Amino acid sequence: MSKELFISLLNNITLLLALGFLYSLCAARWGDWRTQRGRVVAGVLFGAVAMAGMIFPL
């Protein structure tokens, strides 16, 4: 496996772990994601991580 592929995989794994951690942290903070504010925060969070993942493609 090439070094660039390994770094790319590691970067994407880190982004996914960060997304899971932040999502669970926000869920514990606000409790109910069915509110309008919770939906907006979850959407912005997911969108930001998705855009960061697209910046570093595999």
PDB file of N, CA and C in Angstrom:
ATOM      1  N   MET A   1       0.856  -1.169   0.000  1.00  0.00           N
ATOM      2  CA  MET A   1       0.000   0.000   0.000  1.00  0.00           C
ATOM      3  C   MET A   1       0.907   1.238   0.000  1.00  0.00           C
ATOM      4  N   SER A   2       0.566   2.179  -0.843  1.00  0.00           N
ATOM      5  CA  SER A   2       1.405   3.372  -0.931  1.00  0.00           C
ATOM      6  C   SER A   2       1.178   4.301   0.263  1.00  0.00           C
ATOM      7  N   LYS A   3       2.140   5.131   0.487  1.00  0.00           N
ATOM      8  CA  LYS A   3       2.094   6.043   1.630  1.00  0.00           C
ATOM      9  C   LYS A   3       0.943   7.044   1.506  1.00  0.00           C
ATOM     10  N   GLU A   4       0.685   7.543   0.301  1.00  0.00           N
ATOM     11  CA  GLU A   4      -0.386   8.519   0.094  1.00  0.00           C
ATOM     12  C   GLU A   4      -1.761   7.903   0.357  1.00  0.00           C
ATOM     13  N   LEU A   5      -1.927   6.646  -0.071  1.00  0.00           N
ATOM     14  CA  LEU A   5      -3.195   5.951   0.160  1.00  0.00           C
ATOM     15  C   LEU A   5      -3.420   5.733   1.649  1.00  0.00           C
ATOM     16  N   PHE A   6      -2.386   5.335   2.353  1.00  0.00           N
ATOM     17  CA  PHE A   6      -2.492   5.127   3.790  1.00  0.00           C
ATOM     18  C   PHE A   6      -2.845   6.421   4.518  1.00  0.00           C
ATOM     19  N   ILE A   7      -2.222   7.508   4.164  1.00  0.00           N
ATOM     20  CA  ILE A   7      -2.493   8.802   4.799  1.00  0.00           C
ATOM     21  C   ILE A   7      -3.921   9.249   4.492  1.00  0.00           C
ATOM     22  N   SER A   8      -4.357   9.018   3.273  1.00  0.00           N
ATOM     23  CA  SER A   8      -5.716   9.375   2.881  1.00  0.00           C
ATOM     24  C   SER A   8      -6.743   8.561   3.667  1.00  0.00           C
ATOM     25  N   LEU A   9      -6.502   7.270   3.784  1.00  0.00           N
ATOM     26  CA  LEU A   9      -7.395   6.419   4.567  1.00  0.00           C
ATOM     27  C   LEU A   9      -7.434   6.842   6.031  1.00  0.00           C
ATOM     28  N   LEU A  10      -6.281   7.119   6.576  1.00  0.00           N
ATOM     29  CA  LEU A  10      -6.195   7.546   7.970  1.00  0.00           C
ATOM     30  C   LEU A  10      -6.930   8.868   8.195  1.00  0.00           C
ATOM     31  N   ASN A  11      -6.806   9.772   7.242  1.00  0.00           N
ATOM     32  CA  ASN A  11      -7.485  11.058   7.342  1.00  0.00           C
ATOM     33  C   ASN A  11      -9.010  10.875   7.305  1.00  0.00           C
ATOM     34  N   ASN A  12      -9.497  10.046   6.397  1.00  0.00           N
ATOM     35  CA  ASN A  12     -10.937   9.820   6.304  1.00  0.00           C
ATOM     36  C   ASN A  12     -11.479   9.089   7.532  1.00  0.00           C
ATOM     37  N   ILE A  13     -10.733   8.153   8.060  1.00  0.00           N
ATOM     38  CA  ILE A  13     -11.149   7.460   9.280  1.00  0.00           C
ATOM     39  C   ILE A  13     -11.230   8.437  10.442  1.00  0.00           C
ATOM     40  N   THR A  14     -10.256   9.325  10.533  1.00  0.00           N
ATOM     41  CA  THR A  14     -10.260  10.337  11.590  1.00  0.00           C
ATOM     42  C   THR A  14     -11.467  11.262  11.472  1.00  0.00           C
ATOM     43  N   LEU A  15     -11.809  11.662  10.259  1.00  0.00           N
ATOM     44  CA  LEU A  15     -12.984  12.511  10.057  1.00  0.00           C
ATOM     45  C   LEU A  15     -14.263  11.797  10.488  1.00  0.00           C
ATOM     46  N   LEU A  16     -14.393  10.525  10.151  1.00  0.00           N
ATOM     47  CA  LEU A  16     -15.590   9.775  10.541  1.00  0.00           C
ATOM     48  C   LEU A  16     -15.675   9.592  12.056  1.00  0.00           C
ATOM     49  N   LEU A  17     -14.551   9.322  12.694  1.00  0.00           N
ATOM     50  CA  LEU A  17     -14.557   9.200  14.152  1.00  0.00           C
ATOM     51  C   LEU A  17     -14.904  10.528  14.817  1.00  0.00           C
ATOM     52  N   ALA A  18     -14.384  11.621  14.278  1.00  0.00           N
ATOM     53  CA  ALA A  18     -14.702  12.937  14.823  1.00  0.00           C
ATOM     54  C   ALA A  18     -16.182  13.251  14.655  1.00  0.00           C
ATOM     55  N   LEU A  19     -16.749  12.885  13.518  1.00  0.00           N
ATOM     56  CA  LEU A  19     -18.172  13.107  13.287  1.00  0.00           C
ATOM     57  C   LEU A  19     -19.007  12.326  14.294  1.00  0.00           C
ATOM     58  N   GLY A  20     -18.670  11.081  14.514  1.00  0.00           N
ATOM     59  CA  GLY A  20     -19.400  10.272  15.496  1.00  0.00           C
ATOM     60  C   GLY A  20     -19.287  10.833  16.900  1.00  0.00           C
ATOM     61  N   PHE A  21     -18.096  11.266  17.271  1.00  0.00           N
ATOM     62  CA  PHE A  21     -17.892  11.834  18.598  1.00  0.00           C
ATOM     63  C   PHE A  21     -18.681  13.134  18.777  1.00  0.00           C
ATOM     64  N   LEU A  22     -18.588  14.032  17.800  1.00  0.00           N
ATOM     65  CA  LEU A  22     -19.295  15.312  17.909  1.00  0.00           C
ATOM     66  C   LEU A  22     -20.802  15.122  17.885  1.00  0.00           C
ATOM     67  N   TYR A  23     -21.281  14.184  17.071  1.00  0.00           N
ATOM     68  CA  TYR A  23     -22.713  13.921  16.999  1.00  0.00           C
ATOM     69  C   TYR A  23     -23.233  13.401  18.337  1.00  0.00           C
ATOM     70  N   SER A  24     -22.496  12.468  18.953  1.00  0.00           N
ATOM     71  CA  SER A  24     -22.931  11.942  20.247  1.00  0.00           C
ATOM     72  C   SER A  24     -22.814  12.995  21.350  1.00  0.00           C
ATOM     73  N   LEU A  25     -21.802  13.847  21.253  1.00  0.00           N
ATOM     74  CA  LEU A  25     -21.641  14.919  22.229  1.00  0.00           C
ATOM     75  C   LEU A  25     -22.808  15.911  22.142  1.00  0.00           C
ATOM     76  N   CYS A  26     -23.176  16.277  20.925  1.00  0.00           N
ATOM     77  CA  CYS A  26     -24.299  17.195  20.744  1.00  0.00           C
ATOM     78  C   CYS A  26     -25.619  16.548  21.150  1.00  0.00           C
ATOM     79  N   ALA A  27     -25.764  15.253  20.883  1.00  0.00           N
ATOM     80  CA  ALA A  27     -26.984  14.550  21.273  1.00  0.00           C
ATOM     81  C   ALA A  27     -27.124  14.513  22.789  1.00  0.00           C
ATOM     82  N   ALA A  28     -26.014  14.335  23.487  1.00  0.00           N
ATOM     83  CA  ALA A  28     -26.049  14.340  24.949  1.00  0.00           C
ATOM     84  C   ALA A  28     -26.321  15.744  25.475  1.00  0.00           C
ATOM     85  N   ARG A  29     -25.834  16.755  24.776  1.00  0.00           N
ATOM     86  CA  ARG A  29     -26.009  18.143  25.217  1.00  0.00           C
ATOM     87  C   ARG A  29     -27.445  18.609  25.059  1.00  0.00           C
ATOM     88  N   TRP A  30     -28.023  18.367  23.853  1.00  0.00           N
ATOM     89  CA  TRP A  30     -29.374  18.854  23.592  1.00  0.00           C
ATOM     90  C   TRP A  30     -30.436  17.798  23.852  1.00  0.00           C
ATOM     91  N   GLY A  31     -30.057  16.543  23.853  1.00  0.00           N
ATOM     92  CA  GLY A  31     -30.996  15.485  24.167  1.00  0.00           C
ATOM     93  C   GLY A  31     -31.923  15.106  23.025  1.00  0.00           C
ATOM     94  N   ASP A  32     -32.680  16.032  22.516  1.00  0.00           N
ATOM     95  CA  ASP A  32     -33.683  15.720  21.502  1.00  0.00           C
ATOM     96  C   ASP A  32     -33.289  16.357  20.174  1.00  0.00           C
ATOM     97  N   TRP A  33     -33.010  15.516  19.178  1.00  0.00           N
ATOM     98  CA  TRP A  33     -32.610  16.002  17.855  1.00  0.00           C
ATOM     99  C   TRP A  33     -33.810  16.290  16.972  1.00  0.00           C
ATOM    100  N   ARG A  34     -35.008  16.109  17.500  1.00  0.00           N
ATOM    101  CA  ARG A  34     -36.195  16.343  16.669  1.00  0.00           C
ATOM    102  C   ARG A  34     -36.598  17.810  16.621  1.00  0.00           C
ATOM    103  N   THR A  35     -35.931  18.645  17.387  1.00  0.00           N
ATOM    104  CA  THR A  35     -36.240  20.067  17.345  1.00  0.00           C
ATOM    105  C   THR A  35     -35.601  20.696  16.108  1.00  0.00           C
ATOM    106  N   GLN A  36     -36.068  21.857  15.754  1.00  0.00           N
ATOM    107  CA  GLN A  36     -35.533  22.548  14.579  1.00  0.00           C
ATOM    108  C   GLN A  36     -34.050  22.873  14.763  1.00  0.00           C
ATOM    109  N   ARG A  37     -33.685  23.325  15.931  1.00  0.00           N
ATOM    110  CA  ARG A  37     -32.288  23.668  16.208  1.00  0.00           C
ATOM    111  C   ARG A  37     -31.397  22.428  16.111  1.00  0.00           C
ATOM    112  N   GLY A  38     -31.857  21.315  16.644  1.00  0.00           N
ATOM    113  CA  GLY A  38     -31.088  20.078  16.586  1.00  0.00           C
ATOM    114  C   GLY A  38     -30.879  19.597  15.166  1.00  0.00           C
ATOM    115  N   ARG A  39     -31.902  19.724  14.344  1.00  0.00           N
ATOM    116  CA  ARG A  39     -31.785  19.317  12.941  1.00  0.00           C
ATOM    117  C   ARG A  39     -30.785  20.190  12.194  1.00  0.00           C
ATOM    118  N   VAL A  40     -30.826  21.486  12.471  1.00  0.00           N
ATOM    119  CA  VAL A  40     -29.900  22.407  11.803  1.00  0.00           C
ATOM    120  C   VAL A  40     -28.465  22.110  12.232  1.00  0.00           C
ATOM    121  N   VAL A  41     -28.240  21.912  13.515  1.00  0.00           N
ATOM    122  CA  VAL A  41     -26.892  21.619  14.010  1.00  0.00           C
ATOM    123  C   VAL A  41     -26.385  20.305  13.423  1.00  0.00           C
ATOM    124  N   ALA A  42     -27.228  19.276  13.407  1.00  0.00           N
ATOM    125  CA  ALA A  42     -26.818  17.985  12.845  1.00  0.00           C
ATOM    126  C   ALA A  42     -26.514  18.111  11.357  1.00  0.00           C
ATOM    127  N   GLY A  43     -27.311  18.874  10.624  1.00  0.00           N
ATOM    128  CA  GLY A  43     -27.080  19.057   9.196  1.00  0.00           C
ATOM    129  C   GLY A  43     -25.808  19.815   8.897  1.00  0.00           C
ATOM    130  N   VAL A  44     -25.557  20.868   9.648  1.00  0.00           N
ATOM    131  CA  VAL A  44     -24.330  21.653   9.455  1.00  0.00           C
ATOM    132  C   VAL A  44     -23.103  20.813   9.820  1.00  0.00           C
ATOM    133  N   LEU A  45     -23.205  20.062  10.903  1.00  0.00           N
ATOM    134  CA  LEU A  45     -22.101  19.215  11.331  1.00  0.00           C
ATOM    135  C   LEU A  45     -21.794  18.151  10.280  1.00  0.00           C
ATOM    136  N   PHE A  46     -22.825  17.468   9.813  1.00  0.00           N
ATOM    137  CA  PHE A  46     -22.623  16.436   8.800  1.00  0.00           C
ATOM    138  C   PHE A  46     -22.109  17.047   7.498  1.00  0.00           C
ATOM    139  N   GLY A  47     -22.645  18.184   7.111  1.00  0.00           N
ATOM    140  CA  GLY A  47     -22.205  18.837   5.881  1.00  0.00           C
ATOM    141  C   GLY A  47     -20.756  19.273   5.942  1.00  0.00           C
ATOM    142  N   ALA A  48     -20.336  19.795   7.087  1.00  0.00           N
ATOM    143  CA  ALA A  48     -18.941  20.235   7.230  1.00  0.00           C
ATOM    144  C   ALA A  48     -17.980  19.056   7.142  1.00  0.00           C
ATOM    145  N   VAL A  49     -18.325  17.948   7.779  1.00  0.00           N
ATOM    146  CA  VAL A  49     -17.452  16.777   7.720  1.00  0.00           C
ATOM    147  C   VAL A  49     -17.460  16.177   6.316  1.00  0.00           C
ATOM    148  N   ALA A  50     -18.607  16.185   5.655  1.00  0.00           N
ATOM    149  CA  ALA A  50     -18.680  15.665   4.284  1.00  0.00           C
ATOM    150  C   ALA A  50     -17.832  16.521   3.342  1.00  0.00           C
ATOM    151  N   MET A  51     -17.873  17.833   3.506  1.00  0.00           N
ATOM    152  CA  MET A  51     -17.056  18.708   2.668  1.00  0.00           C
ATOM    153  C   MET A  51     -15.569  18.489   2.951  1.00  0.00           C
ATOM    154  N   ALA A  52     -15.209  18.311   4.207  1.00  0.00           N
ATOM    155  CA  ALA A  52     -13.803  18.035   4.545  1.00  0.00           C
ATOM    156  C   ALA A  52     -13.373  16.708   3.946  1.00  0.00           C
ATOM    157  N   GLY A  53     -14.259  15.730   3.915  1.00  0.00           N
ATOM    158  CA  GLY A  53     -13.937  14.449   3.297  1.00  0.00           C
ATOM    159  C   GLY A  53     -13.751  14.573   1.793  1.00  0.00           C
ATOM    160  N   MET A  54     -14.484  15.474   1.168  1.00  0.00           N
ATOM    161  CA  MET A  54     -14.334  15.668  -0.272  1.00  0.00           C
ATOM    162  C   MET A  54     -13.053  16.430  -0.615  1.00  0.00           C
ATOM    163  N   ILE A  55     -12.560  17.208   0.319  1.00  0.00           N
ATOM    164  CA  ILE A  55     -11.307  17.924   0.095  1.00  0.00           C
ATOM    165  C   ILE A  55     -10.138  16.938   0.040  1.00  0.00           C
ATOM    166  N   PHE A  56     -10.242  15.878   0.851  1.00  0.00           N
ATOM    167  CA  PHE A  56      -9.187  14.854   0.913  1.00  0.00           C
ATOM    168  C   PHE A  56      -9.732  13.554   0.333  1.00  0.00           C
ATOM    169  N   PRO A  57      -9.839  13.440  -0.978  1.00  0.00           N
ATOM    170  CA  PRO A  57     -10.405  12.219  -1.561  1.00  0.00           C
ATOM    171  C   PRO A  57      -9.447  11.035  -1.431  1.00  0.00           C
ATOM    172  N   LEU A  58     -10.022   9.861  -1.520  1.00  0.00           N
ATOM    173  CA  LEU A  58      -9.215   8.648  -1.421  1.00  0.00           C
ATOM    174  C   LEU A  58      -8.570   8.388  -2.698  1.00  0.00           C
TER     175      LEU A  58
END
